[in-house]
C-alpha atoms as a PDB file:
ATOM      1  CA  MET A   1      26.128  20.386  71.250  1.00  0.00           C
ATOM      2  CA  SER A   2      24.958  17.260  73.076  1.00  0.00           C
ATOM      3  CA  PRO A   3      23.783  14.163  71.156  1.00  0.00           C
ATOM      4  CA  ALA A   4      20.219  14.814  72.329  1.00  0.00           C
ATOM      5  CA  LEU A   5      20.241  18.357  70.948  1.00  0.00           C
ATOM      6  CA  LEU A   6      21.863  17.158  67.737  1.00  0.00           C
ATOM      7  CA  ASP A   7      19.065  14.633  67.336  1.00  0.00           C
ATOM      8  CA  LEU A   8      16.523  17.412  67.895  1.00  0.00           C
ATOM      9  CA  LEU A   9      18.277  19.543  65.274  1.00  0.00           C
ATOM     10  CA  LEU A  10      18.156  16.761  62.686  1.00  0.00           C
ATOM     11  CA  ARG A  11      14.490  16.106  63.453  1.00  0.00           C
ATOM     12  CA  SER A  12      13.722  19.818  63.141  1.00  0.00           C
ATOM     13  CA  ILE A  13      15.454  19.953  59.761  1.00  0.00           C
ATOM     14  CA  VAL A  14      13.283  17.092  58.524  1.00  0.00           C
ATOM     15  CA  GLU A  15      10.148  18.803  59.829  1.00  0.00           C
ATOM     16  CA  THR A  16      11.093  22.072  58.131  1.00  0.00           C
ATOM     17  CA  LEU A  17      11.783  20.304  54.834  1.00  0.00           C
ATOM     18  CA  GLU A  18       8.426  18.543  55.114  1.00  0.00           C
ATOM     19  CA  MET A  19       6.535  21.775  55.785  1.00  0.00           C
ATOM     20  CA  VAL A  20       8.282  23.676  53.022  1.00  0.00           C
ATOM     21  CA  GLY A  21       8.138  20.838  50.489  1.00  0.00           C
ATOM     22  CA  VAL A  22       4.431  20.088  50.831  1.00  0.00           C
ATOM     23  CA  SER A  23       3.456  23.773  50.984  1.00  0.00           C
ATOM     24  CA  ALA A  24       5.579  24.579  47.926  1.00  0.00           C
ATOM     25  CA  LEU A  25       3.998  21.737  45.961  1.00  0.00           C
ATOM     26  CA  ILE A  26       0.501  22.944  46.846  1.00  0.00           C
ATOM     27  CA  SER A  27       1.420  26.534  45.952  1.00  0.00           C
ATOM     28  CA  VAL A  28       2.445  25.430  42.444  1.00  0.00           C
ATOM     29  CA  ILE A  29      -0.507  23.102  41.900  1.00  0.00           C
ATOM     30  CA  VAL A  30      -2.975  25.849  42.849  1.00  0.00           C
ATOM     31  CA  GLY A  31      -0.980  29.016  42.206  1.00  0.00           C
ATOM     32  CA  LEU A  32       0.049  28.359  38.595  1.00  0.00           C
ATOM     33  CA  PRO A  33      -3.507  27.708  37.341  1.00  0.00           C
ATOM     34  CA  LEU A  34      -4.617  30.771  39.291  1.00  0.00           C
ATOM     35  CA  ALA A  35      -1.960  32.845  37.548  1.00  0.00           C
ATOM     36  CA  LEU A  36      -3.017  31.465  34.168  1.00  0.00           C
ATOM     37  CA  VAL A  37      -6.632  32.420  34.858  1.00  0.00           C
ATOM     38  CA  LEU A  38      -5.603  35.923  35.938  1.00  0.00           C
ATOM     39  CA  VAL A  39      -3.621  36.411  32.722  1.00  0.00           C
ATOM     40  CA  ALA A  40      -6.221  34.826  30.439  1.00  0.00           C
ATOM     41  CA  THR A  41      -9.189  36.752  31.874  1.00  0.00           C
ATOM     42  CA  ASP A  42      -7.514  40.164  31.825  1.00  0.00           C
ATOM     43  CA  ASP A  43      -8.341  42.752  29.169  1.00  0.00           C
ATOM     44  CA  GLY A  44      -6.616  41.629  25.991  1.00  0.00           C
ATOM     45  CA  GLY A  45      -6.182  38.102  27.290  1.00  0.00           C
ATOM     46  CA  ILE A  46      -7.167  34.938  25.473  1.00  0.00           C
ATOM     47  CA  TRP A  47     -10.402  34.723  27.499  1.00  0.00           C
ATOM     48  CA  PRO A  48     -11.398  38.226  28.669  1.00  0.00           C
ATOM     49  CA  GLN A  49     -13.592  38.105  31.775  1.00  0.00           C
ATOM     50  CA  PRO A  50     -13.220  41.448  33.594  1.00  0.00           C
ATOM     51  CA  VAL A  51     -15.527  40.621  36.520  1.00  0.00           C
ATOM     52  CA  LEU A  52     -13.894  37.261  37.225  1.00  0.00           C
ATOM     53  CA  ASN A  53     -10.463  38.845  36.902  1.00  0.00           C
ATOM     54  CA  ARG A  54     -11.283  41.583  39.400  1.00  0.00           C
ATOM     55  CA  VAL A  55     -12.767  39.129  41.906  1.00  0.00           C
ATOM     56  CA  LEU A  56      -9.820  36.738  41.730  1.00  0.00           C
ATOM     57  CA  GLY A  57      -7.351  39.611  41.837  1.00  0.00           C
ATOM     58  CA  GLY A  58      -9.065  41.043  44.900  1.00  0.00           C
ATOM     59  CA  VAL A  59      -8.949  37.713  46.734  1.00  0.00           C
ATOM     60  CA  VAL A  60      -5.271  37.251  45.897  1.00  0.00           C
ATOM     61  CA  ASN A  61      -4.412  40.756  47.039  1.00  0.00           C
ATOM     62  CA  ALA A  62      -6.432  40.362  50.247  1.00  0.00           C
ATOM     63  CA  VAL A  63      -4.598  37.192  51.282  1.00  0.00           C
ATOM     64  CA  ARG A  64      -1.199  38.611  50.339  1.00  0.00           C
ATOM     65  CA  SER A  65      -1.810  41.758  52.378  1.00  0.00           C
ATOM     66  CA  VAL A  66      -2.169  39.864  55.679  1.00  0.00           C
ATOM     67  CA  PRO A  67       1.143  39.358  57.555  1.00  0.00           C
ATOM     68  CA  PHE A  68       1.909  35.669  57.893  1.00  0.00           C
ATOM     69  CA  ILE A  69       1.917  35.594  61.692  1.00  0.00           C
ATOM     70  CA  ILE A  70      -1.610  37.080  61.719  1.00  0.00           C
ATOM     71  CA  LEU A  71      -2.766  34.721  58.980  1.00  0.00           C
ATOM     72  CA  LEU A  72      -1.331  31.825  60.958  1.00  0.00           C
ATOM     73  CA  VAL A  73      -3.475  32.670  63.983  1.00  0.00           C
ATOM     74  CA  ALA A  74      -6.573  33.625  61.976  1.00  0.00           C
ATOM     75  CA  LEU A  75      -6.583  30.269  60.190  1.00  0.00           C
ATOM     76  CA  ILE A  76      -6.472  28.176  63.379  1.00  0.00           C
ATOM     77  CA  PRO A  77     -10.182  27.179  63.102  1.00  0.00           C
ATOM     78  CA  LEU A  78      -9.704  26.118  59.469  1.00  0.00           C
ATOM     79  CA  THR A  79      -6.513  24.278  60.348  1.00  0.00           C
ATOM     80  CA  ARG A  80      -8.281  22.355  63.099  1.00  0.00           C
ATOM     81  CA  LEU A  81     -11.095  21.523  60.693  1.00  0.00           C
ATOM     82  CA  ILE A  82      -8.703  20.136  58.080  1.00  0.00           C
ATOM     83  CA  VAL A  83      -6.060  18.309  60.136  1.00  0.00           C
ATOM     84  CA  GLY A  84      -7.744  18.059  63.550  1.00  0.00           C
ATOM     85  CA  THR A  85      -5.158  20.130  65.405  1.00  0.00           C
ATOM     86  CA  SER A  86      -3.599  23.592  65.331  1.00  0.00           C
ATOM     87  CA  ILE A  87      -0.079  22.570  66.351  1.00  0.00           C
ATOM     88  CA  GLY A  88       2.556  20.426  64.746  1.00  0.00           C
ATOM     89  CA  THR A  89       4.058  20.112  61.287  1.00  0.00           C
ATOM     90  CA  ALA A  90       0.881  19.000  59.525  1.00  0.00           C
ATOM     91  CA  ALA A  91      -1.055  21.940  60.974  1.00  0.00           C
ATOM     92  CA  ALA A  92       1.559  24.425  59.767  1.00  0.00           C
ATOM     93  CA  ILE A  93       1.200  23.228  56.187  1.00  0.00           C
ATOM     94  CA  VAL A  94      -2.328  24.697  55.954  1.00  0.00           C
ATOM     95  CA  PRO A  95      -1.466  28.386  56.588  1.00  0.00           C
ATOM     96  CA  LEU A  96       1.850  28.038  54.769  1.00  0.00           C
ATOM     97  CA  SER A  97       0.076  26.767  51.660  1.00  0.00           C
ATOM     98  CA  ILE A  98      -2.632  29.432  51.821  1.00  0.00           C
ATOM     99  CA  ALA A  99      -0.012  32.160  52.197  1.00  0.00           C
ATOM    100  CA  ALA A 100       2.296  30.812  49.479  1.00  0.00           C
ATOM    101  CA  THR A 101      -0.351  30.156  46.818  1.00  0.00           C
ATOM    102  CA  PRO A 102      -1.345  33.771  46.048  1.00  0.00           C
ATOM    103  CA  TYR A 103       2.274  34.834  46.495  1.00  0.00           C
ATOM    104  CA  TYR A 104       3.434  32.432  43.796  1.00  0.00           C
ATOM    105  CA  ALA A 105       0.378  33.209  41.653  1.00  0.00           C
ATOM    106  CA  ARG A 106       1.374  36.876  41.422  1.00  0.00           C
ATOM    107  CA  ILE A 107       5.007  36.041  40.651  1.00  0.00           C
ATOM    108  CA  ALA A 108       3.935  33.537  37.993  1.00  0.00           C
ATOM    109  CA  GLU A 109       1.492  36.079  36.571  1.00  0.00           C
ATOM    110  CA  VAL A 110       4.336  38.529  35.975  1.00  0.00           C
ATOM    111  CA  SER A 111       6.347  35.877  34.107  1.00  0.00           C
ATOM    112  CA  LEU A 112       3.361  34.847  31.991  1.00  0.00           C
ATOM    113  CA  ARG A 113       2.635  38.462  31.044  1.00  0.00           C
ATOM    114  CA  GLU A 114       6.160  38.804  29.692  1.00  0.00           C
ATOM    115  CA  VAL A 115       5.457  36.270  26.939  1.00  0.00           C
ATOM    116  CA  GLY A 116       5.452  38.134  23.627  1.00  0.00           C
ATOM    117  CA  ARG A 117       2.021  39.085  22.330  1.00  0.00           C
ATOM    118  CA  GLY A 118       3.240  38.227  18.840  1.00  0.00           C
ATOM    119  CA  LEU A 119       3.660  34.577  19.742  1.00  0.00           C
ATOM    120  CA  ILE A 120       0.164  34.397  21.183  1.00  0.00           C
ATOM    121  CA  GLU A 121      -1.394  36.156  18.201  1.00  0.00           C
ATOM    122  CA  ALA A 122       0.497  33.881  15.794  1.00  0.00           C
ATOM    123  CA  ALA A 123      -0.837  30.820  17.603  1.00  0.00           C
ATOM    124  CA  ARG A 124      -4.380  32.195  17.500  1.00  0.00           C
ATOM    125  CA  ALA A 125      -4.023  32.977  13.804  1.00  0.00           C
ATOM    126  CA  MET A 126      -3.127  29.328  13.189  1.00  0.00           C
ATOM    127  CA  GLY A 127      -6.310  28.255  14.925  1.00  0.00           C
ATOM    128  CA  ALA A 128      -4.824  27.174  18.249  1.00  0.00           C
ATOM    129  CA  SER A 129      -7.320  26.753  21.068  1.00  0.00           C
ATOM    130  CA  ARG A 130      -6.963  28.495  24.412  1.00  0.00           C
ATOM    131  CA  VAL A 131      -5.745  25.271  26.020  1.00  0.00           C
ATOM    132  CA  THR A 132      -3.159  24.804  23.271  1.00  0.00           C
ATOM    133  CA  ILE A 133      -1.914  28.364  23.702  1.00  0.00           C
ATOM    134  CA  VAL A 134      -1.541  27.827  27.438  1.00  0.00           C
ATOM    135  CA  ARG A 135       0.245  24.479  27.091  1.00  0.00           C
ATOM    136  CA  HIS A 136       2.465  25.197  24.104  1.00  0.00           C
ATOM    137  CA  VAL A 137       3.057  28.954  24.224  1.00  0.00           C
ATOM    138  CA  LEU A 138       2.482  30.567  27.613  1.00  0.00           C
ATOM    139  CA  ILE A 139       3.971  27.951  29.944  1.00  0.00           C
ATOM    140  CA  PRO A 140       7.012  26.941  27.820  1.00  0.00           C
ATOM    141  CA  GLU A 141       7.967  30.544  27.068  1.00  0.00           C
ATOM    142  CA  ALA A 142       7.545  31.656  30.689  1.00  0.00           C
ATOM    143  CA  LEU A 143       9.181  28.548  32.199  1.00  0.00           C
ATOM    144  CA  PRO A 144      12.507  30.163  33.256  1.00  0.00           C
ATOM    145  CA  GLY A 145      10.597  32.945  35.015  1.00  0.00           C
ATOM    146  CA  LEU A 146       8.214  30.445  36.591  1.00  0.00           C
ATOM    147  CA  VAL A 147      11.171  28.497  37.987  1.00  0.00           C
ATOM    148  CA  SER A 148      12.766  31.673  39.321  1.00  0.00           C
ATOM    149  CA  GLY A 149       9.475  32.647  40.941  1.00  0.00           C
ATOM    150  CA  PHE A 150       9.178  29.222  42.509  1.00  0.00           C
ATOM    151  CA  THR A 151      12.679  29.617  43.912  1.00  0.00           C
ATOM    152  CA  VAL A 152      11.703  32.912  45.547  1.00  0.00           C
ATOM    153  CA  THR A 153       8.577  31.236  46.927  1.00  0.00           C
ATOM    154  CA  LEU A 154      10.648  28.417  48.416  1.00  0.00           C
ATOM    155  CA  VAL A 155      12.968  30.880  50.131  1.00  0.00           C
ATOM    156  CA  THR A 156       9.988  32.771  51.518  1.00  0.00           C
ATOM    157  CA  LEU A 157       8.450  29.529  52.766  1.00  0.00           C
ATOM    158  CA  ILE A 158      11.634  28.629  54.630  1.00  0.00           C
ATOM    159  CA  GLY A 159      11.412  31.915  56.510  1.00  0.00           C
ATOM    160  CA  SER A 160       7.679  31.523  57.115  1.00  0.00           C
ATOM    161  CA  SER A 161       8.147  27.996  58.440  1.00  0.00           C
ATOM    162  CA  ALA A 162      10.531  29.389  61.044  1.00  0.00           C
ATOM    163  CA  ILE A 163       7.875  31.929  62.043  1.00  0.00           C
ATOM    164  CA  ALA A 164       5.333  29.117  62.326  1.00  0.00           C
ATOM    165  CA  GLY A 165       7.612  27.540  64.926  1.00  0.00           C
ATOM    166  CA  ALA A 166       6.686  30.385  67.263  1.00  0.00           C
ATOM    167  CA  VAL A 167       3.216  28.883  67.689  1.00  0.00           C
ATOM    168  CA  GLY A 168       4.223  25.248  68.066  1.00  0.00           C
ATOM    169  CA  ALA A 169       4.498  24.214  64.437  1.00  0.00           C
ATOM    170  CA  GLY A 170       7.751  22.363  64.957  1.00  0.00           C
ATOM    171  CA  GLY A 171      10.781  22.646  62.728  1.00  0.00           C
ATOM    172  CA  LEU A 172      13.803  24.868  63.073  1.00  0.00           C
ATOM    173  CA  GLY A 173      11.852  27.890  64.302  1.00  0.00           C
ATOM    174  CA  ASP A 174      10.380  25.941  67.193  1.00  0.00           C
ATOM    175  CA  LEU A 175      13.806  24.575  68.115  1.00  0.00           C
ATOM    176  CA  ALA A 176      15.387  28.026  68.035  1.00  0.00           C
ATOM    177  CA  ILE A 177      12.692  29.490  70.307  1.00  0.00           C
ATOM    178  CA  ARG A 178      12.401  26.642  72.815  1.00  0.00           C
ATOM    179  CA  TYR A 179      16.094  25.934  73.206  1.00  0.00           C
ATOM    180  CA  GLY A 180      18.063  28.788  71.676  1.00  0.00           C
ATOM    181  CA  TYR A 181      15.977  31.598  73.166  1.00  0.00           C
ATOM    182  CA  GLN A 182      14.079  30.284  76.192  1.00  0.00           C
ATOM    183  CA  ARG A 183      16.884  28.069  77.505  1.00  0.00           C
ATOM    184  CA  PHE A 184      19.747  30.338  76.411  1.00  0.00           C
ATOM    185  CA  GLU A 185      21.389  27.589  74.326  1.00  0.00           C
ATOM    186  CA  THR A 186      23.571  29.802  72.155  1.00  0.00           C
ATOM    187  CA  GLY A 187      24.952  26.823  70.257  1.00  0.00           C
ATOM    188  CA  VAL A 188      21.472  25.711  69.246  1.00  0.00           C
ATOM    189  CA  MET A 189      20.567  29.175  68.001  1.00  0.00           C
ATOM    190  CA  ALA A 190      23.794  29.416  66.012  1.00  0.00           C
ATOM    191  CA  ALA A 191      23.215  25.969  64.514  1.00  0.00           C
ATOM    192  CA  VAL A 192      19.653  26.841  63.470  1.00  0.00           C
ATOM    193  CA  VAL A 193      20.783  30.080  61.836  1.00  0.00           C
ATOM    194  CA  ALA A 194      23.573  28.241  60.008  1.00  0.00           C
ATOM    195  CA  VAL A 195      21.195  25.565  58.732  1.00  0.00           C
ATOM    196  CA  LEU A 196      18.690  28.181  57.529  1.00  0.00           C
ATOM    197  CA  ILE A 197      21.440  30.033  55.670  1.00  0.00           C
ATOM    198  CA  VAL A 198      22.596  26.806  54.018  1.00  0.00           C
ATOM    199  CA  LEU A 199      19.019  25.898  53.041  1.00  0.00           C
ATOM    200  CA  VAL A 200      18.289  29.303  51.541  1.00  0.00           C
ATOM    201  CA  CYS A 201      21.595  29.495  49.672  1.00  0.00           C
ATOM    202  CA  GLY A 202      21.190  25.945  48.374  1.00  0.00           C
ATOM    203  CA  VAL A 203      17.663  26.551  47.135  1.00  0.00           C
ATOM    204  CA  GLN A 204      18.622  29.855  45.515  1.00  0.00           C
ATOM    205  CA  TRP A 205      21.687  28.357  43.823  1.00  0.00           C
ATOM    206  CA  GLY A 206      19.758  25.363  42.492  1.00  0.00           C
ATOM    207  CA  GLY A 207      16.841  27.473  41.291  1.00  0.00           C
ATOM    208  CA  ASP A 208      19.093  29.983  39.533  1.00  0.00           C
ATOM    209  CA  ARG A 209      21.019  27.234  37.743  1.00  0.00           C
ATOM    210  CA  LEU A 210      17.827  25.521  36.588  1.00  0.00           C
ATOM    211  CA  ALA A 211      16.333  28.813  35.371  1.00  0.00           C
ATOM    212  CA  ARG A 212      19.491  29.632  33.399  1.00  0.00           C
ATOM    213  CA  LEU A 213      19.514  26.158  31.880  1.00  0.00           C
ATOM    214  CA  LEU A 214      15.898  26.442  30.792  1.00  0.00           C
ATOM    215  CA  ASP A 215      16.533  29.922  29.409  1.00  0.00           C
ATOM    216  CA  ARG A 216      19.425  28.696  27.252  1.00  0.00           C
ATOM    217  CA  ARG A 217      17.359  25.788  25.952  1.00  0.00           C
ATOM    218  CA  GLY A 218      14.561  28.182  25.103  1.00  0.00           C
END
């Protein structure tokens, strides 16, 4: 691989890490509270609100049901409104975040539902408020599962960021298409695949270790 292509590869790695990192952060900041609301407002939750639960659940399911490549194109007007352009790394963060947020919310919801009802009822019996139950019971007890879910979300985002490269988002996907596919640079394609494998394996390994550590401490 020539020095110029190597420089492009390194730049694409940075762009992919930027897209995935920012989108993952947004998915947690928005997705975890969304999951908490879905769990709290369900029947038997700490704040039963059936109508709100159904509406939020419907929105989450609707977004999750749209394939990412279609969502990417459908959100072009919104992306332009937010960042002023529909191409580039910054533009890709918008659809990536919107796709990842409900995805992580559902995964986090499953982990939160696995918290023992006995713990929640004991906290309520001692007079704990809803906020206290969320902060000191639900989140700490579900933390290993929340970390594992975040790991799965990160892996999914890495794959989605490569798809975003097909429409000029930059990153490894864009490099693989423009040079590996269109210019028949087999070495570039092989390098991109190798880097993606390393990224996914590294994220999965780190997430699994952290989840196991948190589980033992719990």
